[in-house]
Amino acid sequence: MIKVLEKVGSENGQPNTHMKAIGMIAFILLAIGGLNWLLVGFGFNLVDYLFGVGSALSRIVYILVGLSALWEIFTYKWSGSAA
């Protein structure tokens, strides 16, 4: 699947601007989700506060964050070096 994404979104081995934009949006949504989980750890859910507990908008935000995590997992470029 990763090879398919690389072929669809690249020219000469370099990602095109659409793939870069999707990657940036995914990263931002993933950061927002991570910060929300930090707040949940302190007893405050920002997404539920802004959009309502269990609302359609809250579910959309959670779905987008989850899809962003999948995008980052499947498009991650391994450096090849052991940490």
PDB file of N, CA and C in Angstrom:
ATOM      1  N   MET A   1       0.823  -1.193   0.000  1.00  0.00           N
ATOM      2  CA  MET A   1       0.000   0.000   0.000  1.00  0.00           C
ATOM      3  C   MET A   1       0.870   1.261   0.000  1.00  0.00           C
ATOM      4  N   ILE A   2       1.960   1.223   0.742  1.00  0.00           N
ATOM      5  CA  ILE A   2       2.847   2.380   0.793  1.00  0.00           C
ATOM      6  C   ILE A   2       3.442   2.645  -0.573  1.00  0.00           C
ATOM      7  N   LYS A   3       3.835   1.601  -1.282  1.00  0.00           N
ATOM      8  CA  LYS A   3       4.408   1.768  -2.615  1.00  0.00           C
ATOM      9  C   LYS A   3       3.395   2.403  -3.567  1.00  0.00           C
ATOM     10  N   VAL A   4       2.128   2.034  -3.430  1.00  0.00           N
ATOM     11  CA  VAL A   4       1.084   2.625  -4.267  1.00  0.00           C
ATOM     12  C   VAL A   4       0.971   4.110  -3.971  1.00  0.00           C
ATOM     13  N   LEU A   5       0.970   4.489  -2.693  1.00  0.00           N
ATOM     14  CA  LEU A   5       0.889   5.902  -2.327  1.00  0.00           C
ATOM     15  C   LEU A   5       2.097   6.664  -2.844  1.00  0.00           C
ATOM     16  N   GLU A   6       3.271   6.051  -2.764  1.00  0.00           N
ATOM     17  CA  GLU A   6       4.470   6.718  -3.241  1.00  0.00           C
ATOM     18  C   GLU A   6       4.401   6.945  -4.748  1.00  0.00           C
ATOM     19  N   LYS A   7       3.904   5.960  -5.512  1.00  0.00           N
ATOM     20  CA  LYS A   7       3.827   6.106  -6.956  1.00  0.00           C
ATOM     21  C   LYS A   7       2.770   7.122  -7.363  1.00  0.00           C
ATOM     22  N   VAL A   8       1.637   7.127  -6.666  1.00  0.00           N
ATOM     23  CA  VAL A   8       0.568   8.067  -6.985  1.00  0.00           C
ATOM     24  C   VAL A   8       0.998   9.488  -6.690  1.00  0.00           C
ATOM     25  N   GLY A   9       1.710   9.693  -5.598  1.00  0.00           N
ATOM     26  CA  GLY A   9       2.011  11.052  -5.167  1.00  0.00           C
ATOM     27  C   GLY A   9       3.426  11.501  -5.419  1.00  0.00           C
ATOM     28  N   SER A  10       4.104  10.946  -6.410  1.00  0.00           N
ATOM     29  CA  SER A  10       5.484  11.363  -6.589  1.00  0.00           C
ATOM     30  C   SER A  10       5.852  11.514  -8.051  1.00  0.00           C
ATOM     31  N   GLU A  11       6.807  12.372  -8.249  1.00  0.00           N
ATOM     32  CA  GLU A  11       7.439  12.518  -9.551  1.00  0.00           C
ATOM     33  C   GLU A  11       8.938  12.458  -9.289  1.00  0.00           C
ATOM     34  N   ASN A  12       9.606  11.552  -9.944  1.00  0.00           N
ATOM     35  CA  ASN A  12      11.045  11.378  -9.760  1.00  0.00           C
ATOM     36  C   ASN A  12      11.406  11.093  -8.306  1.00  0.00           C
ATOM     37  N   GLY A  13      10.530  10.389  -7.588  1.00  0.00           N
ATOM     38  CA  GLY A  13      10.812  10.026  -6.212  1.00  0.00           C
ATOM     39  C   GLY A  13      10.500  11.100  -5.195  1.00  0.00           C
ATOM     40  N   GLN A  14      10.074  12.272  -5.641  1.00  0.00           N
ATOM     41  CA  GLN A  14       9.758  13.375  -4.731  1.00  0.00           C
ATOM     42  C   GLN A  14       8.240  13.528  -4.614  1.00  0.00           C
ATOM     43  N   PRO A  15       7.723  13.690  -3.395  1.00  0.00           N
ATOM     44  CA  PRO A  15       6.272  13.855  -3.243  1.00  0.00           C
ATOM     45  C   PRO A  15       5.790  15.153  -3.881  1.00  0.00           C
ATOM     46  N   ASN A  16       4.593  15.100  -4.485  1.00  0.00           N
ATOM     47  CA  ASN A  16       4.058  16.312  -5.091  1.00  0.00           C
ATOM     48  C   ASN A  16       3.431  17.203  -4.019  1.00  0.00           C
ATOM     49  N   THR A  17       2.974  18.368  -4.419  1.00  0.00           N
ATOM     50  CA  THR A  17       2.463  19.339  -3.454  1.00  0.00           C
ATOM     51  C   THR A  17       1.179  18.866  -2.782  1.00  0.00           C
ATOM     52  N   HIS A  18       0.359  18.078  -3.480  1.00  0.00           N
ATOM     53  CA  HIS A  18      -0.866  17.569  -2.875  1.00  0.00           C
ATOM     54  C   HIS A  18      -0.552  16.601  -1.739  1.00  0.00           C
ATOM     55  N   MET A  19       0.422  15.723  -1.970  1.00  0.00           N
ATOM     56  CA  MET A  19       0.813  14.766  -0.930  1.00  0.00           C
ATOM     57  C   MET A  19       1.418  15.494   0.262  1.00  0.00           C
ATOM     58  N   LYS A  20       2.206  16.534  -0.018  1.00  0.00           N
ATOM     59  CA  LYS A  20       2.794  17.320   1.069  1.00  0.00           C
ATOM     60  C   LYS A  20       1.700  18.016   1.875  1.00  0.00           C
ATOM     61  N   ALA A  21       0.696  18.554   1.190  1.00  0.00           N
ATOM     62  CA  ALA A  21      -0.399  19.245   1.874  1.00  0.00           C
ATOM     63  C   ALA A  21      -1.201  18.275   2.732  1.00  0.00           C
ATOM     64  N   ILE A  22      -1.495  17.086   2.192  1.00  0.00           N
ATOM     65  CA  ILE A  22      -2.228  16.084   2.971  1.00  0.00           C
ATOM     66  C   ILE A  22      -1.420  15.688   4.201  1.00  0.00           C
ATOM     67  N   GLY A  23      -0.113  15.512   4.013  1.00  0.00           N
ATOM     68  CA  GLY A  23       0.753  15.167   5.134  1.00  0.00           C
ATOM     69  C   GLY A  23       0.758  16.242   6.215  1.00  0.00           C
ATOM     70  N   MET A  24       0.782  17.503   5.811  1.00  0.00           N
ATOM     71  CA  MET A  24       0.780  18.605   6.783  1.00  0.00           C
ATOM     72  C   MET A  24      -0.555  18.671   7.514  1.00  0.00           C
ATOM     73  N   ILE A  25      -1.651  18.509   6.797  1.00  0.00           N
ATOM     74  CA  ILE A  25      -2.976  18.514   7.433  1.00  0.00           C
ATOM     75  C   ILE A  25      -3.087  17.355   8.415  1.00  0.00           C
ATOM     76  N   ALA A  26      -2.599  16.182   8.008  1.00  0.00           N
ATOM     77  CA  ALA A  26      -2.634  15.018   8.893  1.00  0.00           C
ATOM     78  C   ALA A  26      -1.807  15.272  10.146  1.00  0.00           C
ATOM     79  N   PHE A  27      -0.640  15.873   9.980  1.00  0.00           N
ATOM     80  CA  PHE A  27       0.214  16.167  11.138  1.00  0.00           C
ATOM     81  C   PHE A  27      -0.473  17.143  12.087  1.00  0.00           C
ATOM     82  N   ILE A  28      -1.093  18.179  11.555  1.00  0.00           N
ATOM     83  CA  ILE A  28      -1.769  19.179  12.394  1.00  0.00           C
ATOM     84  C   ILE A  28      -2.936  18.533  13.149  1.00  0.00           C
ATOM     85  N   LEU A  29      -3.739  17.724  12.446  1.00  0.00           N
ATOM     86  CA  LEU A  29      -4.857  17.051  13.113  1.00  0.00           C
ATOM     87  C   LEU A  29      -4.363  16.080  14.183  1.00  0.00           C
ATOM     88  N   LEU A  30      -3.256  15.415  13.913  1.00  0.00           N
ATOM     89  CA  LEU A  30      -2.685  14.493  14.895  1.00  0.00           C
ATOM     90  C   LEU A  30      -2.188  15.254  16.121  1.00  0.00           C
ATOM     91  N   ALA A  31      -1.596  16.408  15.914  1.00  0.00           N
ATOM     92  CA  ALA A  31      -1.147  17.242  17.038  1.00  0.00           C
ATOM     93  C   ALA A  31      -2.343  17.728  17.856  1.00  0.00           C
ATOM     94  N   ILE A  32      -3.412  18.142  17.179  1.00  0.00           N
ATOM     95  CA  ILE A  32      -4.620  18.584  17.876  1.00  0.00           C
ATOM     96  C   ILE A  32      -5.191  17.441  18.713  1.00  0.00           C
ATOM     97  N   GLY A  33      -5.233  16.243  18.124  1.00  0.00           N
ATOM     98  CA  GLY A  33      -5.729  15.083  18.864  1.00  0.00           C
ATOM     99  C   GLY A  33      -4.870  14.765  20.071  1.00  0.00           C
ATOM    100  N   GLY A  34      -3.554  14.850  19.904  1.00  0.00           N
ATOM    101  CA  GLY A  34      -2.658  14.594  21.022  1.00  0.00           C
ATOM    102  C   GLY A  34      -2.824  15.611  22.139  1.00  0.00           C
ATOM    103  N   LEU A  35      -2.971  16.871  21.763  1.00  0.00           N
ATOM    104  CA  LEU A  35      -3.181  17.914  22.783  1.00  0.00           C
ATOM    105  C   LEU A  35      -4.529  17.734  23.482  1.00  0.00           C
ATOM    106  N   ASN A  36      -5.536  17.301  22.736  1.00  0.00           N
ATOM    107  CA  ASN A  36      -6.826  17.043  23.372  1.00  0.00           C
ATOM    108  C   ASN A  36      -6.704  15.910  24.388  1.00  0.00           C
ATOM    109  N   TRP A  37      -5.952  14.850  24.035  1.00  0.00           N
ATOM    110  CA  TRP A  37      -5.752  13.759  24.988  1.00  0.00           C
ATOM    111  C   TRP A  37      -4.991  14.238  26.221  1.00  0.00           C
ATOM    112  N   LEU A  38      -4.061  15.159  26.052  1.00  0.00           N
ATOM    113  CA  LEU A  38      -3.380  15.746  27.209  1.00  0.00           C
ATOM    114  C   LEU A  38      -4.397  16.422  28.126  1.00  0.00           C
ATOM    115  N   LEU A  39      -5.297  17.196  27.533  1.00  0.00           N
ATOM    116  CA  LEU A  39      -6.329  17.870  28.322  1.00  0.00           C
ATOM    117  C   LEU A  39      -7.278  16.867  28.968  1.00  0.00           C
ATOM    118  N   VAL A  40      -7.612  15.794  28.254  1.00  0.00           N
ATOM    119  CA  VAL A  40      -8.475  14.754  28.827  1.00  0.00           C
ATOM    120  C   VAL A  40      -7.817  14.169  30.076  1.00  0.00           C
ATOM    121  N   GLY A  41      -6.504  14.024  30.033  1.00  0.00           N
ATOM    122  CA  GLY A  41      -5.777  13.526  31.200  1.00  0.00           C
ATOM    123  C   GLY A  41      -5.931  14.426  32.416  1.00  0.00           C
ATOM    124  N   PHE A  42      -6.169  15.703  32.163  1.00  0.00           N
ATOM    125  CA  PHE A  42      -6.399  16.657  33.253  1.00  0.00           C
ATOM    126  C   PHE A  42      -7.886  16.895  33.515  1.00  0.00           C
ATOM    127  N   GLY A  43      -8.744  16.091  32.872  1.00  0.00           N
ATOM    128  CA  GLY A  43     -10.174  16.156  33.153  1.00  0.00           C
ATOM    129  C   GLY A  43     -10.967  17.123  32.286  1.00  0.00           C
ATOM    130  N   PHE A  44     -10.411  17.578  31.159  1.00  0.00           N
ATOM    131  CA  PHE A  44     -11.123  18.507  30.295  1.00  0.00           C
ATOM    132  C   PHE A  44     -11.015  18.051  28.851  1.00  0.00           C
ATOM    133  N   ASN A  45     -12.143  17.856  28.169  1.00  0.00           N
ATOM    134  CA  ASN A  45     -12.159  17.445  26.771  1.00  0.00           C
ATOM    135  C   ASN A  45     -12.547  18.646  25.919  1.00  0.00           C
ATOM    136  N   LEU A  46     -11.567  19.228  25.240  1.00  0.00           N
ATOM    137  CA  LEU A  46     -11.791  20.440  24.455  1.00  0.00           C
ATOM    138  C   LEU A  46     -12.743  20.205  23.288  1.00  0.00           C
ATOM    139  N   VAL A  47     -12.626  19.064  22.614  1.00  0.00           N
ATOM    140  CA  VAL A  47     -13.501  18.775  21.466  1.00  0.00           C
ATOM    141  C   VAL A  47     -14.956  18.705  21.918  1.00  0.00           C
ATOM    142  N   ASP A  48     -15.217  17.983  23.002  1.00  0.00           N
ATOM    143  CA  ASP A  48     -16.584  17.904  23.516  1.00  0.00           C
ATOM    144  C   ASP A  48     -17.071  19.265  24.008  1.00  0.00           C
ATOM    145  N   TYR A  49     -16.185  20.055  24.583  1.00  0.00           N
ATOM    146  CA  TYR A  49     -16.544  21.384  25.061  1.00  0.00           C
ATOM    147  C   TYR A  49     -16.947  22.293  23.892  1.00  0.00           C
ATOM    148  N   LEU A  50     -16.188  22.219  22.794  1.00  0.00           N
ATOM    149  CA  LEU A  50     -16.463  23.087  21.649  1.00  0.00           C
ATOM    150  C   LEU A  50     -17.671  22.647  20.834  1.00  0.00           C
ATOM    151  N   PHE A  51     -17.837  21.329  20.654  1.00  0.00           N
ATOM    152  CA  PHE A  51     -18.853  20.838  19.726  1.00  0.00           C
ATOM    153  C   PHE A  51     -19.987  20.076  20.388  1.00  0.00           C
ATOM    154  N   GLY A  52     -19.878  19.791  21.676  1.00  0.00           N
ATOM    155  CA  GLY A  52     -20.919  19.044  22.381  1.00  0.00           C
ATOM    156  C   GLY A  52     -20.571  17.578  22.493  1.00  0.00           C
ATOM    157  N   VAL A  53     -20.889  16.997  23.620  1.00  0.00           N
ATOM    158  CA  VAL A  53     -20.574  15.590  23.881  1.00  0.00           C
ATOM    159  C   VAL A  53     -21.385  14.704  22.935  1.00  0.00           C
ATOM    160  N   GLY A  54     -20.699  13.890  22.165  1.00  0.00           N
ATOM    161  CA  GLY A  54     -21.362  12.952  21.271  1.00  0.00           C
ATOM    162  C   GLY A  54     -22.005  13.566  20.045  1.00  0.00           C
ATOM    163  N   SER A  55     -21.736  14.845  19.780  1.00  0.00           N
ATOM    164  CA  SER A  55     -22.354  15.486  18.616  1.00  0.00           C
ATOM    165  C   SER A  55     -21.713  14.988  17.328  1.00  0.00           C
ATOM    166  N   ALA A  56     -22.382  15.260  16.234  1.00  0.00           N
ATOM    167  CA  ALA A  56     -21.860  14.849  14.930  1.00  0.00           C
ATOM    168  C   ALA A  56     -20.515  15.515  14.653  1.00  0.00           C
ATOM    169  N   LEU A  57     -20.380  16.783  15.013  1.00  0.00           N
ATOM    170  CA  LEU A  57     -19.110  17.476  14.793  1.00  0.00           C
ATOM    171  C   LEU A  57     -17.988  16.864  15.623  1.00  0.00           C
ATOM    172  N   SER A  58     -18.272  16.489  16.860  1.00  0.00           N
ATOM    173  CA  SER A  58     -17.261  15.832  17.693  1.00  0.00           C
ATOM    174  C   SER A  58     -16.817  14.530  17.054  1.00  0.00           C
ATOM    175  N   ARG A  59     -17.770  13.753  16.572  1.00  0.00           N
ATOM    176  CA  ARG A  59     -17.422  12.478  15.933  1.00  0.00           C
ATOM    177  C   ARG A  59     -16.602  12.698  14.668  1.00  0.00           C
ATOM    178  N   ILE A  60     -16.934  13.740  13.907  1.00  0.00           N
ATOM    179  CA  ILE A  60     -16.166  14.045  12.704  1.00  0.00           C
ATOM    180  C   ILE A  60     -14.725  14.391  13.057  1.00  0.00           C
ATOM    181  N   VAL A  61     -14.544  15.194  14.098  1.00  0.00           N
ATOM    182  CA  VAL A  61     -13.187  15.547  14.536  1.00  0.00           C
ATOM    183  C   VAL A  61     -12.423  14.296  14.934  1.00  0.00           C
ATOM    184  N   TYR A  62     -13.047  13.415  15.706  1.00  0.00           N
ATOM    185  CA  TYR A  62     -12.366  12.189  16.137  1.00  0.00           C
ATOM    186  C   TYR A  62     -12.034  11.294  14.953  1.00  0.00           C
ATOM    187  N   ILE A  63     -12.932  11.208  13.981  1.00  0.00           N
ATOM    188  CA  ILE A  63     -12.679  10.400  12.784  1.00  0.00           C
ATOM    189  C   ILE A  63     -11.518  10.983  11.985  1.00  0.00           C
ATOM    190  N   LEU A  64     -11.486  12.302  11.822  1.00  0.00           N
ATOM    191  CA  LEU A  64     -10.399  12.939  11.081  1.00  0.00           C
ATOM    192  C   LEU A  64      -9.051  12.742  11.774  1.00  0.00           C
ATOM    193  N   VAL A  65      -9.039  12.825  13.089  1.00  0.00           N
ATOM    194  CA  VAL A  65      -7.794  12.599  13.838  1.00  0.00           C
ATOM    195  C   VAL A  65      -7.346  11.146  13.667  1.00  0.00           C
ATOM    196  N   GLY A  66      -8.273  10.202  13.730  1.00  0.00           N
ATOM    197  CA  GLY A  66      -7.936   8.800  13.539  1.00  0.00           C
ATOM    198  C   GLY A  66      -7.423   8.514  12.139  1.00  0.00           C
ATOM    199  N   LEU A  67      -8.058   9.095  11.128  1.00  0.00           N
ATOM    200  CA  LEU A  67      -7.588   8.934   9.756  1.00  0.00           C
ATOM    201  C   LEU A  67      -6.209   9.558   9.567  1.00  0.00           C
ATOM    202  N   SER A  68      -5.972  10.670  10.251  1.00  0.00           N
ATOM    203  CA  SER A  68      -4.659  11.305  10.202  1.00  0.00           C
ATOM    204  C   SER A  68      -3.585  10.401  10.788  1.00  0.00           C
ATOM    205  N   ALA A  69      -3.920   9.728  11.870  1.00  0.00           N
ATOM    206  CA  ALA A  69      -2.968   8.792  12.468  1.00  0.00           C
ATOM    207  C   ALA A  69      -2.657   7.662  11.496  1.00  0.00           C
ATOM    208  N   LEU A  70      -3.673   7.125  10.832  1.00  0.00           N
ATOM    209  CA  LEU A  70      -3.443   6.068   9.843  1.00  0.00           C
ATOM    210  C   LEU A  70      -2.584   6.573   8.683  1.00  0.00           C
ATOM    211  N   TRP A  71      -2.857   7.781   8.229  1.00  0.00           N
ATOM    212  CA  TRP A  71      -2.069   8.370   7.142  1.00  0.00           C
ATOM    213  C   TRP A  71      -0.597   8.445   7.550  1.00  0.00           C
ATOM    214  N   GLU A  72      -0.347   8.959   8.751  1.00  0.00           N
ATOM    215  CA  GLU A  72       1.035   9.095   9.223  1.00  0.00           C
ATOM    216  C   GLU A  72       1.703   7.730   9.374  1.00  0.00           C
ATOM    217  N   ILE A  73       0.968   6.742   9.828  1.00  0.00           N
ATOM    218  CA  ILE A  73       1.532   5.399   9.993  1.00  0.00           C
ATOM    219  C   ILE A  73       1.923   4.819   8.639  1.00  0.00           C
ATOM    220  N   PHE A  74       1.033   4.918   7.647  1.00  0.00           N
ATOM    221  CA  PHE A  74       1.274   4.275   6.359  1.00  0.00           C
ATOM    222  C   PHE A  74       2.204   5.056   5.442  1.00  0.00           C
ATOM    223  N   THR A  75       2.435   6.326   5.713  1.00  0.00           N
ATOM    224  CA  THR A  75       3.318   7.108   4.849  1.00  0.00           C
ATOM    225  C   THR A  75       4.620   7.479   5.538  1.00  0.00           C
ATOM    226  N   TYR A  76       4.843   6.991   6.748  1.00  0.00           N
ATOM    227  CA  TYR A  76       6.056   7.308   7.488  1.00  0.00           C
ATOM    228  C   TYR A  76       7.278   6.778   6.745  1.00  0.00           C
ATOM    229  N   LYS A  77       8.299   7.582   6.639  1.00  0.00           N
ATOM    230  CA  LYS A  77       9.547   7.177   5.998  1.00  0.00           C
ATOM    231  C   LYS A  77      10.535   6.771   7.079  1.00  0.00           C
ATOM    232  N   TRP A  78      10.870   5.497   7.121  1.00  0.00           N
ATOM    233  CA  TRP A  78      11.813   4.984   8.107  1.00  0.00           C
ATOM    234  C   TRP A  78      13.212   5.460   7.746  1.00  0.00           C
ATOM    235  N   SER A  79      13.944   5.903   8.758  1.00  0.00           N
ATOM    236  CA  SER A  79      15.302   6.406   8.508  1.00  0.00           C
ATOM    237  C   SER A  79      16.295   5.268   8.306  1.00  0.00           C
ATOM    238  N   GLY A  80      15.965   4.078   8.796  1.00  0.00           N
ATOM    239  CA  GLY A  80      16.856   2.954   8.626  1.00  0.00           C
ATOM    240  C   GLY A  80      17.916   2.830   9.707  1.00  0.00           C
ATOM    241  N   SER A  81      18.011   3.812  10.583  1.00  0.00           N
ATOM    242  CA  SER A  81      19.008   3.758  11.643  1.00  0.00           C
ATOM    243  C   SER A  81      18.347   3.319  12.942  1.00  0.00           C
ATOM    244  N   ALA A  82      19.077   2.545  13.723  1.00  0.00           N
ATOM    245  CA  ALA A  82      18.564   2.057  15.006  1.00  0.00           C
ATOM    246  C   ALA A  82      18.685   3.173  16.043  1.00  0.00           C
ATOM    247  N   ALA A  83      17.674   3.303  16.844  1.00  0.00           N
ATOM    248  CA  ALA A  83      17.701   4.334  17.884  1.00  0.00           C
ATOM    249  C   ALA A  83      18.289   3.795  19.162  1.00  0.00           C
TER     250      ALA A  83
END
